[in-house]
């Protein structure tokens, strides 16, 4: 069953977006290595919104624990207290190409 992760990161949107852009290649690699299906990131009025679709909960958890991801978050000073996450089993998704 697919698994949806929604993360809201609070802070200065411009600073967060700069770090997001600077680490996108690294984070794309982490996602790829753990089976990421779809990723989307958006600037919000109070930070950054990230939505990821994974093939399974295990893929999401493995990516979350990946040392490359953790180092990137640490370098940006993004402590867990600045992140709010939701996780949901996905009933259905459609990909149009």
PDB file of N, CA and C in Angstrom:
ATOM      1  N   UNK A   1       0.843  -1.176   0.000  1.00  0.00           N
ATOM      2  CA  UNK A   1       0.000   0.000   0.000  1.00  0.00           C
ATOM      3  C   UNK A   1       0.891   1.242   0.000  1.00  0.00           C
ATOM      4  N   UNK A   2       0.555   2.222  -0.824  1.00  0.00           N
ATOM      5  CA  UNK A   2       1.322   3.472  -0.889  1.00  0.00           C
ATOM      6  C   UNK A   2       1.155   4.251   0.414  1.00  0.00           C
ATOM      7  N   UNK A   3       2.088   5.162   0.634  1.00  0.00           N
ATOM      8  CA  UNK A   3       2.170   5.876   1.902  1.00  0.00           C
ATOM      9  C   UNK A   3       2.469   7.338   1.620  1.00  0.00           C
ATOM     10  N   UNK A   4       1.676   8.230   2.204  1.00  0.00           N
ATOM     11  CA  UNK A   4       1.798   9.665   1.981  1.00  0.00           C
ATOM     12  C   UNK A   4       2.419  10.330   3.200  1.00  0.00           C
ATOM     13  N   UNK A   5       3.417  11.163   2.968  1.00  0.00           N
ATOM     14  CA  UNK A   5       4.040  11.948   4.031  1.00  0.00           C
ATOM     15  C   UNK A   5       3.867  13.421   3.699  1.00  0.00           C
ATOM     16  N   UNK A   6       3.323  14.165   4.640  1.00  0.00           N
ATOM     17  CA  UNK A   6       3.162  15.605   4.506  1.00  0.00           C
ATOM     18  C   UNK A   6       3.968  16.253   5.621  1.00  0.00           C
ATOM     19  N   UNK A   7       4.904  17.114   5.257  1.00  0.00           N
ATOM     20  CA  UNK A   7       5.741  17.782   6.255  1.00  0.00           C
ATOM     21  C   UNK A   7       5.596  19.287   6.102  1.00  0.00           C
ATOM     22  N   UNK A   8       5.394  19.949   7.220  1.00  0.00           N
ATOM     23  CA  UNK A   8       5.361  21.409   7.264  1.00  0.00           C
ATOM     24  C   UNK A   8       6.544  21.851   8.109  1.00  0.00           C
ATOM     25  N   UNK A   9       7.375  22.696   7.520  1.00  0.00           N
ATOM     26  CA  UNK A   9       8.570  23.181   8.199  1.00  0.00           C
ATOM     27  C   UNK A   9       8.387  24.665   8.448  1.00  0.00           C
ATOM     28  N   UNK A  10       8.399  25.051   9.711  1.00  0.00           N
ATOM     29  CA  UNK A  10       8.195  26.439  10.076  1.00  0.00           C
ATOM     30  C   UNK A  10       9.491  27.226  10.070  1.00  0.00           C
ATOM     31  N   UNK A  11       9.396  28.480   9.687  1.00  0.00           N
ATOM     32  CA  UNK A  11      10.550  29.365   9.672  1.00  0.00           C
ATOM     33  C   UNK A  11      10.441  30.374   8.555  1.00  0.00           C
ATOM     34  N   UNK A  12      11.525  31.089   8.338  1.00  0.00           N
ATOM     35  CA  UNK A  12      11.563  32.096   7.278  1.00  0.00           C
ATOM     36  C   UNK A  12      11.454  31.401   5.924  1.00  0.00           C
ATOM     37  N   UNK A  13      10.384  31.668   5.171  1.00  0.00           N
ATOM     38  CA  UNK A  13      10.177  30.978   3.904  1.00  0.00           C
ATOM     39  C   UNK A  13      11.328  31.166   2.913  1.00  0.00           C
ATOM     40  N   UNK A  14      11.894  32.349   2.840  1.00  0.00           N
ATOM     41  CA  UNK A  14      12.976  32.588   1.890  1.00  0.00           C
ATOM     42  C   UNK A  14      14.222  31.778   2.242  1.00  0.00           C
ATOM     43  N   UNK A  15      14.573  31.729   3.522  1.00  0.00           N
ATOM     44  CA  UNK A  15      15.735  30.938   3.943  1.00  0.00           C
ATOM     45  C   UNK A  15      15.501  29.453   3.723  1.00  0.00           C
ATOM     46  N   UNK A  16      14.301  28.988   4.058  1.00  0.00           N
ATOM     47  CA  UNK A  16      13.981  27.581   3.860  1.00  0.00           C
ATOM     48  C   UNK A  16      14.017  27.198   2.387  1.00  0.00           C
ATOM     49  N   UNK A  17      13.476  28.061   1.535  1.00  0.00           N
ATOM     50  CA  UNK A  17      13.471  27.793   0.107  1.00  0.00           C
ATOM     51  C   UNK A  17      14.884  27.771  -0.456  1.00  0.00           C
ATOM     52  N   UNK A  18      15.747  28.653   0.034  1.00  0.00           N
ATOM     53  CA  UNK A  18      17.140  28.659  -0.408  1.00  0.00           C
ATOM     54  C   UNK A  18      17.820  27.338  -0.046  1.00  0.00           C
ATOM     55  N   UNK A  19      17.632  26.872   1.167  1.00  0.00           N
ATOM     56  CA  UNK A  19      18.230  25.601   1.577  1.00  0.00           C
ATOM     57  C   UNK A  19      17.609  24.438   0.798  1.00  0.00           C
ATOM     58  N   UNK A  20      16.306  24.481   0.603  1.00  0.00           N
ATOM     59  CA  UNK A  20      15.598  23.443  -0.156  1.00  0.00           C
ATOM     60  C   UNK A  20      16.197  23.321  -1.558  1.00  0.00           C
ATOM     61  N   UNK A  21      16.371  24.438  -2.220  1.00  0.00           N
ATOM     62  CA  UNK A  21      16.946  24.426  -3.569  1.00  0.00           C
ATOM     63  C   UNK A  21      18.389  23.919  -3.554  1.00  0.00           C
ATOM     64  N   UNK A  22      19.148  24.320  -2.530  1.00  0.00           N
ATOM     65  CA  UNK A  22      20.548  23.926  -2.441  1.00  0.00           C
ATOM     66  C   UNK A  22      20.765  22.456  -2.149  1.00  0.00           C
ATOM     67  N   UNK A  23      19.779  21.807  -1.562  1.00  0.00           N
ATOM     68  CA  UNK A  23      19.917  20.383  -1.230  1.00  0.00           C
ATOM     69  C   UNK A  23      19.039  19.484  -2.099  1.00  0.00           C
ATOM     70  N   UNK A  24      18.424  20.035  -3.108  1.00  0.00           N
ATOM     71  CA  UNK A  24      17.468  19.255  -3.901  1.00  0.00           C
ATOM     72  C   UNK A  24      18.111  18.044  -4.584  1.00  0.00           C
ATOM     73  N   UNK A  25      19.309  18.180  -5.124  1.00  0.00           N
ATOM     74  CA  UNK A  25      19.942  17.034  -5.784  1.00  0.00           C
ATOM     75  C   UNK A  25      20.230  15.920  -4.777  1.00  0.00           C
ATOM     76  N   UNK A  26      20.741  16.292  -3.618  1.00  0.00           N
ATOM     77  CA  UNK A  26      21.020  15.303  -2.580  1.00  0.00           C
ATOM     78  C   UNK A  26      19.732  14.618  -2.135  1.00  0.00           C
ATOM     79  N   UNK A  27      18.702  15.412  -1.844  1.00  0.00           N
ATOM     80  CA  UNK A  27      17.438  14.848  -1.372  1.00  0.00           C
ATOM     81  C   UNK A  27      16.755  14.016  -2.454  1.00  0.00           C
ATOM     82  N   UNK A  28      16.908  14.415  -3.716  1.00  0.00           N
ATOM     83  CA  UNK A  28      16.364  13.605  -4.805  1.00  0.00           C
ATOM     84  C   UNK A  28      17.023  12.229  -4.816  1.00  0.00           C
ATOM     85  N   UNK A  29      18.328  12.198  -4.559  1.00  0.00           N
ATOM     86  CA  UNK A  29      19.049  10.929  -4.498  1.00  0.00           C
ATOM     87  C   UNK A  29      18.556  10.048  -3.366  1.00  0.00           C
ATOM     88  N   UNK A  30      18.316  10.656  -2.206  1.00  0.00           N
ATOM     89  CA  UNK A  30      17.781   9.904  -1.068  1.00  0.00           C
ATOM     90  C   UNK A  30      16.416   9.327  -1.442  1.00  0.00           C
ATOM     91  N   UNK A  31      15.559  10.156  -2.006  1.00  0.00           N
ATOM     92  CA  UNK A  31      14.240   9.686  -2.415  1.00  0.00           C
ATOM     93  C   UNK A  31      14.330   8.556  -3.425  1.00  0.00           C
ATOM     94  N   UNK A  32      15.168   8.725  -4.419  1.00  0.00           N
ATOM     95  CA  UNK A  32      15.348   7.696  -5.445  1.00  0.00           C
ATOM     96  C   UNK A  32      15.781   6.378  -4.825  1.00  0.00           C
ATOM     97  N   UNK A  33      16.751   6.457  -3.920  1.00  0.00           N
ATOM     98  CA  UNK A  33      17.298   5.244  -3.313  1.00  0.00           C
ATOM     99  C   UNK A  33      16.289   4.504  -2.440  1.00  0.00           C
ATOM    100  N   UNK A  34      15.230   5.186  -2.012  1.00  0.00           N
ATOM    101  CA  UNK A  34      14.237   4.562  -1.141  1.00  0.00           C
ATOM    102  C   UNK A  34      12.871   4.426  -1.816  1.00  0.00           C
ATOM    103  N   UNK A  35      12.829   4.582  -3.155  1.00  0.00           N
ATOM    104  CA  UNK A  35      11.623   4.287  -3.924  1.00  0.00           C
ATOM    105  C   UNK A  35      10.600   5.395  -4.044  1.00  0.00           C
ATOM    106  N   UNK A  36      10.980   6.629  -3.775  1.00  0.00           N
ATOM    107  CA  UNK A  36      10.035   7.744  -3.840  1.00  0.00           C
ATOM    108  C   UNK A  36       9.296   7.751  -5.181  1.00  0.00           C
ATOM    109  N   UNK A  37       7.985   7.905  -5.113  1.00  0.00           N
ATOM    110  CA  UNK A  37       7.153   7.933  -6.321  1.00  0.00           C
ATOM    111  C   UNK A  37       6.963   9.369  -6.806  1.00  0.00           C
ATOM    112  N   UNK A  38       6.556  10.256  -5.889  1.00  0.00           N
ATOM    113  CA  UNK A  38       6.291  11.654  -6.229  1.00  0.00           C
ATOM    114  C   UNK A  38       6.764  12.532  -5.071  1.00  0.00           C
ATOM    115  N   UNK A  39       7.373  13.660  -5.423  1.00  0.00           N
ATOM    116  CA  UNK A  39       7.782  14.662  -4.439  1.00  0.00           C
ATOM    117  C   UNK A  39       7.296  16.026  -4.917  1.00  0.00           C
ATOM    118  N   UNK A  40       6.846  16.829  -3.964  1.00  0.00           N
ATOM    119  CA  UNK A  40       6.462  18.201  -4.266  1.00  0.00           C
ATOM    120  C   UNK A  40       6.828  19.078  -3.082  1.00  0.00           C
ATOM    121  N   UNK A  41       7.360  20.249  -3.376  1.00  0.00           N
ATOM    122  CA  UNK A  41       7.702  21.203  -2.327  1.00  0.00           C
ATOM    123  C   UNK A  41       7.138  22.564  -2.691  1.00  0.00           C
ATOM    124  N   UNK A  42       6.658  23.288  -1.686  1.00  0.00           N
ATOM    125  CA  UNK A  42       6.066  24.595  -1.935  1.00  0.00           C
ATOM    126  C   UNK A  42       6.374  25.551  -0.781  1.00  0.00           C
ATOM    127  N   UNK A  43       6.683  26.792  -1.147  1.00  0.00           N
ATOM    128  CA  UNK A  43       6.848  27.866  -0.163  1.00  0.00           C
ATOM    129  C   UNK A  43       5.463  28.217   0.353  1.00  0.00           C
ATOM    130  N   UNK A  44       5.363  28.423   1.663  1.00  0.00           N
ATOM    131  CA  UNK A  44       4.105  28.864   2.266  1.00  0.00           C
ATOM    132  C   UNK A  44       4.356  30.176   3.012  1.00  0.00           C
ATOM    133  N   UNK A  45       3.323  30.763   3.520  1.00  0.00           N
ATOM    134  CA  UNK A  45       3.486  32.033   4.223  1.00  0.00           C
ATOM    135  C   UNK A  45       4.278  31.894   5.523  1.00  0.00           C
ATOM    136  N   UNK A  46       4.314  30.682   6.077  1.00  0.00           N
ATOM    137  CA  UNK A  46       5.031  30.489   7.341  1.00  0.00           C
ATOM    138  C   UNK A  46       6.124  29.428   7.262  1.00  0.00           C
ATOM    139  N   UNK A  47       6.571  29.096   6.043  1.00  0.00           N
ATOM    140  CA  UNK A  47       7.644  28.123   5.914  1.00  0.00           C
ATOM    141  C   UNK A  47       7.632  27.375   4.603  1.00  0.00           C
ATOM    142  N   UNK A  48       7.700  26.052   4.721  1.00  0.00           N
ATOM    143  CA  UNK A  48       7.821  25.185   3.558  1.00  0.00           C
ATOM    144  C   UNK A  48       6.919  23.975   3.745  1.00  0.00           C
ATOM    145  N   UNK A  49       6.274  23.554   2.674  1.00  0.00           N
ATOM    146  CA  UNK A  49       5.411  22.379   2.679  1.00  0.00           C
ATOM    147  C   UNK A  49       6.024  21.336   1.754  1.00  0.00           C
ATOM    148  N   UNK A  50       6.181  20.119   2.254  1.00  0.00           N
ATOM    149  CA  UNK A  50       6.727  19.014   1.467  1.00  0.00           C
ATOM    150  C   UNK A  50       5.699  17.896   1.451  1.00  0.00           C
ATOM    151  N   UNK A  51       5.429  17.343   0.270  1.00  0.00           N
ATOM    152  CA  UNK A  51       4.518  16.205   0.128  1.00  0.00           C
ATOM    153  C   UNK A  51       5.261  15.116  -0.633  1.00  0.00           C
ATOM    154  N   UNK A  52       5.332  13.937  -0.034  1.00  0.00           N
ATOM    155  CA  UNK A  52       6.000  12.796  -0.659  1.00  0.00           C
ATOM    156  C   UNK A  52       5.054  11.605  -0.712  1.00  0.00           C
ATOM    157  N   UNK A  53       5.099  10.890  -1.824  1.00  0.00           N
ATOM    158  CA  UNK A  53       4.345   9.652  -1.985  1.00  0.00           C
ATOM    159  C   UNK A  53       5.345   8.516  -2.126  1.00  0.00           C
ATOM    160  N   UNK A  54       5.235   7.552  -1.235  1.00  0.00           N
ATOM    161  CA  UNK A  54       6.158   6.422  -1.170  1.00  0.00           C
ATOM    162  C   UNK A  54       5.426   5.131  -1.522  1.00  0.00           C
ATOM    163  N   UNK A  55       6.156   4.114  -1.976  1.00  0.00           N
ATOM    164  CA  UNK A  55       5.498   2.838  -2.250  1.00  0.00           C
ATOM    165  C   UNK A  55       5.077   2.110  -0.971  1.00  0.00           C
ATOM    166  N   UNK A  56       5.692   2.481   0.176  1.00  0.00           N
ATOM    167  CA  UNK A  56       5.379   1.813   1.440  1.00  0.00           C
ATOM    168  C   UNK A  56       5.830   2.685   2.608  1.00  0.00           C
ATOM    169  N   UNK A  57       5.330   2.358   3.779  1.00  0.00           N
ATOM    170  CA  UNK A  57       5.760   3.039   4.994  1.00  0.00           C
ATOM    171  C   UNK A  57       7.250   2.800   5.220  1.00  0.00           C
ATOM    172  N   UNK A  58       7.724   1.613   4.920  1.00  0.00           N
ATOM    173  CA  UNK A  58       9.138   1.283   5.120  1.00  0.00           C
ATOM    174  C   UNK A  58      10.052   2.176   4.292  1.00  0.00           C
ATOM    175  N   UNK A  59       9.662   2.484   3.064  1.00  0.00           N
ATOM    176  CA  UNK A  59      10.457   3.381   2.225  1.00  0.00           C
ATOM    177  C   UNK A  59      10.535   4.778   2.816  1.00  0.00           C
ATOM    178  N   UNK A  60       9.415   5.262   3.324  1.00  0.00           N
ATOM    179  CA  UNK A  60       9.378   6.582   3.961  1.00  0.00           C
ATOM    180  C   UNK A  60      10.270   6.614   5.191  1.00  0.00           C
ATOM    181  N   UNK A  61      10.157   5.600   6.018  1.00  0.00           N
ATOM    182  CA  UNK A  61      10.950   5.553   7.246  1.00  0.00           C
ATOM    183  C   UNK A  61      12.446   5.411   6.955  1.00  0.00           C
ATOM    184  N   UNK A  62      12.785   4.612   5.942  1.00  0.00           N
ATOM    185  CA  UNK A  62      14.197   4.448   5.574  1.00  0.00           C
ATOM    186  C   UNK A  62      14.774   5.769   5.069  1.00  0.00           C
ATOM    187  N   UNK A  63      14.012   6.494   4.275  1.00  0.00           N
ATOM    188  CA  UNK A  63      14.485   7.788   3.773  1.00  0.00           C
ATOM    189  C   UNK A  63      14.630   8.779   4.929  1.00  0.00           C
ATOM    190  N   UNK A  64      13.675   8.776   5.852  1.00  0.00           N
ATOM    191  CA  UNK A  64      13.732   9.697   6.987  1.00  0.00           C
ATOM    192  C   UNK A  64      14.973   9.451   7.848  1.00  0.00           C
ATOM    193  N   UNK A  65      15.427   8.211   7.909  1.00  0.00           N
ATOM    194  CA  UNK A  65      16.587   7.861   8.728  1.00  0.00           C
ATOM    195  C   UNK A  65      17.903   7.904   7.951  1.00  0.00           C
ATOM    196  N   UNK A  66      17.842   8.197   6.665  1.00  0.00           N
ATOM    197  CA  UNK A  66      19.049   8.202   5.829  1.00  0.00           C
ATOM    198  C   UNK A  66      20.028   9.265   6.337  1.00  0.00           C
ATOM    199  N   UNK A  67      21.291   8.893   6.573  1.00  0.00           N
ATOM    200  CA  UNK A  67      22.279   9.848   7.098  1.00  0.00           C
ATOM    201  C   UNK A  67      22.487  11.074   6.212  1.00  0.00           C
ATOM    202  N   UNK A  68      22.318  10.936   4.907  1.00  0.00           N
ATOM    203  CA  UNK A  68      22.467  12.088   4.011  1.00  0.00           C
ATOM    204  C   UNK A  68      21.384  13.117   4.279  1.00  0.00           C
ATOM    205  N   UNK A  69      20.167  12.647   4.453  1.00  0.00           N
ATOM    206  CA  UNK A  69      19.041  13.546   4.742  1.00  0.00           C
ATOM    207  C   UNK A  69      19.232  14.209   6.103  1.00  0.00           C
ATOM    208  N   UNK A  70      19.582  13.420   7.080  1.00  0.00           N
ATOM    209  CA  UNK A  70      19.772  13.964   8.432  1.00  0.00           C
ATOM    210  C   UNK A  70      20.861  15.025   8.467  1.00  0.00           C
ATOM    211  N   UNK A  71      21.953  14.802   7.735  1.00  0.00           N
ATOM    212  CA  UNK A  71      23.040  15.790   7.691  1.00  0.00           C
ATOM    213  C   UNK A  71      22.572  17.076   7.020  1.00  0.00           C
ATOM    214  N   UNK A  72      21.776  16.959   5.957  1.00  0.00           N
ATOM    215  CA  UNK A  72      21.277  18.148   5.267  1.00  0.00           C
ATOM    216  C   UNK A  72      20.355  18.956   6.171  1.00  0.00           C
ATOM    217  N   UNK A  73      19.492  18.280   6.909  1.00  0.00           N
ATOM    218  CA  UNK A  73      18.601  18.986   7.828  1.00  0.00           C
ATOM    219  C   UNK A  73      19.385  19.650   8.953  1.00  0.00           C
ATOM    220  N   UNK A  74      20.378  18.945   9.460  1.00  0.00           N
ATOM    221  CA  UNK A  74      21.196  19.508  10.534  1.00  0.00           C
ATOM    222  C   UNK A  74      21.954  20.741  10.052  1.00  0.00           C
ATOM    223  N   UNK A  75      22.473  20.691   8.836  1.00  0.00           N
ATOM    224  CA  UNK A  75      23.225  21.841   8.320  1.00  0.00           C
ATOM    225  C   UNK A  75      22.351  23.072   8.160  1.00  0.00           C
ATOM    226  N   UNK A  76      21.045  22.863   7.998  1.00  0.00           N
ATOM    227  CA  UNK A  76      20.109  23.982   7.881  1.00  0.00           C
ATOM    228  C   UNK A  76      19.537  24.381   9.238  1.00  0.00           C
ATOM    229  N   UNK A  77      19.921  23.658  10.286  1.00  0.00           N
ATOM    230  CA  UNK A  77      19.391  23.953  11.610  1.00  0.00           C
ATOM    231  C   UNK A  77      17.936  23.575  11.769  1.00  0.00           C
ATOM    232  N   UNK A  78      17.495  22.579  11.001  1.00  0.00           N
ATOM    233  CA  UNK A  78      16.084  22.179  11.045  1.00  0.00           C
ATOM    234  C   UNK A  78      15.881  21.072  12.070  1.00  0.00           C
ATOM    235  N   UNK A  79      15.667  21.462  13.285  1.00  0.00           N
ATOM    236  CA  UNK A  79      15.418  20.507  14.359  1.00  0.00           C
ATOM    237  C   UNK A  79      14.021  19.913  14.195  1.00  0.00           C
ATOM    238  N   UNK A  80      13.798  18.749  14.785  1.00  0.00           N
ATOM    239  CA  UNK A  80      12.459  18.138  14.714  1.00  0.00           C
ATOM    240  C   UNK A  80      11.350  19.052  15.238  1.00  0.00           C
ATOM    241  N   UNK A  81      11.668  19.944  16.156  1.00  0.00           N
ATOM    242  CA  UNK A  81      10.635  20.823  16.701  1.00  0.00           C
ATOM    243  C   UNK A  81      10.099  21.813  15.669  1.00  0.00           C
ATOM    244  N   UNK A  82      10.836  22.037  14.600  1.00  0.00           N
ATOM    245  CA  UNK A  82      10.382  22.952  13.531  1.00  0.00           C
ATOM    246  C   UNK A  82       9.595  22.222  12.456  1.00  0.00           C
ATOM    247  N   UNK A  83       9.479  20.904  12.599  1.00  0.00           N
ATOM    248  CA  UNK A  83       8.813  20.103  11.581  1.00  0.00           C
ATOM    249  C   UNK A  83       7.553  19.448  12.152  1.00  0.00           C
ATOM    250  N   UNK A  84       6.474  19.578  11.414  1.00  0.00           N
ATOM    251  CA  UNK A  84       5.236  18.860  11.747  1.00  0.00           C
ATOM    252  C   UNK A  84       4.971  17.891  10.611  1.00  0.00           C
ATOM    253  N   UNK A  85       4.762  16.643  10.941  1.00  0.00           N
ATOM    254  CA  UNK A  85       4.561  15.633   9.900  1.00  0.00           C
ATOM    255  C   UNK A  85       3.250  14.900  10.093  1.00  0.00           C
ATOM    256  N   UNK A  86       2.681  14.528   8.964  1.00  0.00           N
ATOM    257  CA  UNK A  86       1.504  13.655   8.922  1.00  0.00           C
ATOM    258  C   UNK A  86       1.855  12.486   8.023  1.00  0.00           C
ATOM    259  N   UNK A  87       1.338  11.316   8.360  1.00  0.00           N
ATOM    260  CA  UNK A  87       1.551  10.125   7.540  1.00  0.00           C
ATOM    261  C   UNK A  87       0.204   9.440   7.345  1.00  0.00           C
ATOM    262  N   UNK A  88      -0.028   8.991   6.113  1.00  0.00           N
ATOM    263  CA  UNK A  88      -1.309   8.372   5.806  1.00  0.00           C
ATOM    264  C   UNK A  88      -1.124   7.228   4.812  1.00  0.00           C
ATOM    265  N   UNK A  89      -1.840   6.120   5.053  1.00  0.00           N
ATOM    266  CA  UNK A  89      -1.924   5.077   4.034  1.00  0.00           C
ATOM    267  C   UNK A  89      -2.779   5.626   2.901  1.00  0.00           C
ATOM    268  N   UNK A  90      -2.351   5.360   1.692  1.00  0.00           N
ATOM    269  CA  UNK A  90      -3.037   5.910   0.516  1.00  0.00           C
ATOM    270  C   UNK A  90      -3.991   4.867  -0.053  1.00  0.00           C
ATOM    271  N   UNK A  91      -5.206   5.267  -0.224  1.00  0.00           N
ATOM    272  CA  UNK A  91      -6.217   4.397  -0.810  1.00  0.00           C
ATOM    273  C   UNK A  91      -5.985   4.230  -2.315  1.00  0.00           C
ATOM    274  N   UNK A  92      -5.624   5.335  -2.966  1.00  0.00           N
ATOM    275  CA  UNK A  92      -5.520   5.316  -4.419  1.00  0.00           C
ATOM    276  C   UNK A  92      -4.725   6.530  -4.872  1.00  0.00           C
ATOM    277  N   UNK A  93      -3.945   6.348  -5.917  1.00  0.00           N
ATOM    278  CA  UNK A  93      -3.319   7.490  -6.566  1.00  0.00           C
ATOM    279  C   UNK A  93      -3.240   7.213  -8.059  1.00  0.00           C
ATOM    280  N   UNK A  94      -3.206   8.286  -8.821  1.00  0.00           N
ATOM    281  CA  UNK A  94      -3.154   8.205 -10.285  1.00  0.00           C
ATOM    282  C   UNK A  94      -2.015   9.094 -10.753  1.00  0.00           C
ATOM    283  N   UNK A  95      -1.216   8.578 -11.671  1.00  0.00           N
ATOM    284  CA  UNK A  95      -0.142   9.367 -12.256  1.00  0.00           C
ATOM    285  C   UNK A  95      -0.417   9.495 -13.745  1.00  0.00           C
ATOM    286  N   UNK A  96      -0.532  10.710 -14.215  1.00  0.00           N
ATOM    287  CA  UNK A  96      -0.737  10.983 -15.626  1.00  0.00           C
ATOM    288  C   UNK A  96       0.579  11.459 -16.221  1.00  0.00           C
ATOM    289  N   UNK A  97       0.947  10.933 -17.345  1.00  0.00           N
ATOM    290  CA  UNK A  97       2.184  11.381 -18.009  1.00  0.00           C
ATOM    291  C   UNK A  97       1.891  11.907 -19.383  1.00  0.00           C
TER     292      UNK A  97
END
